[in-house]
Amino acid sequence: MTTVYLLFHEHDLGDGDSDDKLIGVYSSREEALQARERAVLLDGFRDVPEGFIIDAYELGKDHWTTGYVTVVSGRLIAGNNRG
């Protein structure tokens, strides 16, 4: 399997909310680190440099294999609320 590296940026907005961005997908961890060095110089990103995350993913594989629920401000807006 081929592995790719996703570079994300997450900015915590408080109250459980966040502003998440996918910066890019790279063929090596080194390329993702180089992209982080470029992005950290940009407006917004430089204010939250600790928000960068690099995740490795295998291509051709399901990575989310369960259902989900979405809760915003304590209110269920999608998914199933059964325990």
C-alpha atoms as a PDB file:
ATOM      1  CA  MET A   1       0.000   0.000   0.000  1.00  0.00           C
ATOM      2  CA  THR A   2       1.039   3.566  -0.653  1.00  0.00           C
ATOM      3  CA  THR A   3       1.134   6.024   2.243  1.00  0.00           C
ATOM      4  CA  VAL A   4       0.426   9.741   1.869  1.00  0.00           C
ATOM      5  CA  TYR A   5       0.798  12.490   4.463  1.00  0.00           C
ATOM      6  CA  LEU A   6      -1.963  15.005   5.106  1.00  0.00           C
ATOM      7  CA  LEU A   7      -1.147  18.379   6.605  1.00  0.00           C
ATOM      8  CA  PHE A   8      -3.998  19.914   8.583  1.00  0.00           C
ATOM      9  CA  HIS A   9      -4.298  23.080  10.611  1.00  0.00           C
ATOM     10  CA  GLU A  10      -6.690  23.284  13.547  1.00  0.00           C
ATOM     11  CA  HIS A  11      -7.579  26.535  15.303  1.00  0.00           C
ATOM     12  CA  ASP A  12      -9.528  26.108  18.558  1.00  0.00           C
ATOM     13  CA  LEU A  13     -12.319  28.698  18.648  1.00  0.00           C
ATOM     14  CA  GLY A  14     -13.460  27.821  22.166  1.00  0.00           C
ATOM     15  CA  ASP A  15     -16.724  26.244  23.353  1.00  0.00           C
ATOM     16  CA  GLY A  16     -15.744  23.018  21.554  1.00  0.00           C
ATOM     17  CA  ASP A  17     -15.679  24.657  18.114  1.00  0.00           C
ATOM     18  CA  SER A  18     -12.680  24.703  15.806  1.00  0.00           C
ATOM     19  CA  ASP A  19     -11.706  25.969  12.368  1.00  0.00           C
ATOM     20  CA  ASP A  20     -10.006  23.067  10.558  1.00  0.00           C
ATOM     21  CA  LYS A  21      -8.221  23.280   7.217  1.00  0.00           C
ATOM     22  CA  LEU A  22      -6.611  20.649   5.010  1.00  0.00           C
ATOM     23  CA  ILE A  23      -3.427  22.325   3.748  1.00  0.00           C
ATOM     24  CA  GLY A  24      -2.347  19.550   1.396  1.00  0.00           C
ATOM     25  CA  VAL A  25      -1.527  15.908   0.702  1.00  0.00           C
ATOM     26  CA  TYR A  26       2.118  14.881   0.253  1.00  0.00           C
ATOM     27  CA  SER A  27       4.026  11.781  -0.781  1.00  0.00           C
ATOM     28  CA  SER A  28       6.449  11.944   2.161  1.00  0.00           C
ATOM     29  CA  ARG A  29       6.543  13.216   5.731  1.00  0.00           C
ATOM     30  CA  GLU A  30       9.458  15.453   4.720  1.00  0.00           C
ATOM     31  CA  GLU A  31       7.321  17.138   2.036  1.00  0.00           C
ATOM     32  CA  ALA A  32       4.556  17.706   4.598  1.00  0.00           C
ATOM     33  CA  LEU A  33       7.065  19.247   7.021  1.00  0.00           C
ATOM     34  CA  GLN A  34       8.343  21.540   4.254  1.00  0.00           C
ATOM     35  CA  ALA A  35       4.757  22.592   3.478  1.00  0.00           C
ATOM     36  CA  ARG A  36       4.250  23.356   7.168  1.00  0.00           C
ATOM     37  CA  GLU A  37       7.300  25.631   7.110  1.00  0.00           C
ATOM     38  CA  ARG A  38       5.803  27.530   4.161  1.00  0.00           C
ATOM     39  CA  ALA A  39       2.309  27.743   5.672  1.00  0.00           C
ATOM     40  CA  VAL A  40       3.449  28.935   9.103  1.00  0.00           C
ATOM     41  CA  LEU A  41       4.606  32.169   7.435  1.00  0.00           C
ATOM     42  CA  LEU A  42       1.095  32.978   6.141  1.00  0.00           C
ATOM     43  CA  ASP A  43      -1.509  35.230   7.747  1.00  0.00           C
ATOM     44  CA  GLY A  44      -3.567  33.422  10.361  1.00  0.00           C
ATOM     45  CA  PHE A  45      -1.368  30.336  10.464  1.00  0.00           C
ATOM     46  CA  ARG A  46       1.520  32.286  11.992  1.00  0.00           C
ATOM     47  CA  ASP A  47      -0.783  33.248  14.870  1.00  0.00           C
ATOM     48  CA  VAL A  48      -1.467  29.588  15.744  1.00  0.00           C
ATOM     49  CA  PRO A  49       1.735  27.713  14.776  1.00  0.00           C
ATOM     50  CA  GLU A  50       0.942  24.873  17.184  1.00  0.00           C
ATOM     51  CA  GLY A  51      -2.207  24.031  15.196  1.00  0.00           C
ATOM     52  CA  PHE A  52      -0.447  21.991  12.490  1.00  0.00           C
ATOM     53  CA  ILE A  53      -1.016  18.235  12.378  1.00  0.00           C
ATOM     54  CA  ILE A  54       0.525  15.688  10.000  1.00  0.00           C
ATOM     55  CA  ASP A  55      -1.324  12.377   9.622  1.00  0.00           C
ATOM     56  CA  ALA A  56      -0.216   9.385   7.563  1.00  0.00           C
ATOM     57  CA  TYR A  57      -2.900   7.598   5.521  1.00  0.00           C
ATOM     58  CA  GLU A  58      -2.769   4.465   3.406  1.00  0.00           C
ATOM     59  CA  LEU A  59      -4.378   4.857  -0.016  1.00  0.00           C
ATOM     60  CA  GLY A  60      -7.120   2.424  -1.010  1.00  0.00           C
ATOM     61  CA  LYS A  61      -8.236   1.838   2.588  1.00  0.00           C
ATOM     62  CA  ASP A  62     -11.337   2.958   4.505  1.00  0.00           C
ATOM     63  CA  HIS A  63     -10.238   5.107   7.429  1.00  0.00           C
ATOM     64  CA  TRP A  64     -13.645   5.833   8.943  1.00  0.00           C
ATOM     65  CA  THR A  65     -15.443   2.548   9.496  1.00  0.00           C
ATOM     66  CA  THR A  66     -18.098   3.526  12.058  1.00  0.00           C
ATOM     67  CA  GLY A  67     -21.042   5.913  12.081  1.00  0.00           C
ATOM     68  CA  TYR A  68     -20.957   9.339  13.666  1.00  0.00           C
ATOM     69  CA  VAL A  69     -22.923  11.981  15.510  1.00  0.00           C
ATOM     70  CA  THR A  70     -22.520  15.734  15.231  1.00  0.00           C
ATOM     71  CA  VAL A  71     -23.253  17.884  18.255  1.00  0.00           C
ATOM     72  CA  VAL A  72     -23.036  21.684  18.055  1.00  0.00           C
ATOM     73  CA  SER A  73     -23.566  23.753  21.192  1.00  0.00           C
ATOM     74  CA  GLY A  74     -25.091  20.741  22.924  1.00  0.00           C
ATOM     75  CA  ARG A  75     -27.625  20.085  20.143  1.00  0.00           C
ATOM     76  CA  LEU A  76     -27.577  16.877  18.051  1.00  0.00           C
ATOM     77  CA  ILE A  77     -27.711  17.867  14.366  1.00  0.00           C
ATOM     78  CA  ALA A  78     -26.649  14.673  12.527  1.00  0.00           C
ATOM     79  CA  GLY A  79     -26.255  10.975  13.147  1.00  0.00           C
ATOM     80  CA  ASN A  80     -27.786   8.666  15.672  1.00  0.00           C
ATOM     81  CA  ASN A  81     -28.121   9.466  19.359  1.00  0.00           C
ATOM     82  CA  ARG A  82     -28.508   5.835  20.494  1.00  0.00           C
ATOM     83  CA  GLY A  83     -25.894   4.614  22.993  1.00  0.00           C
END
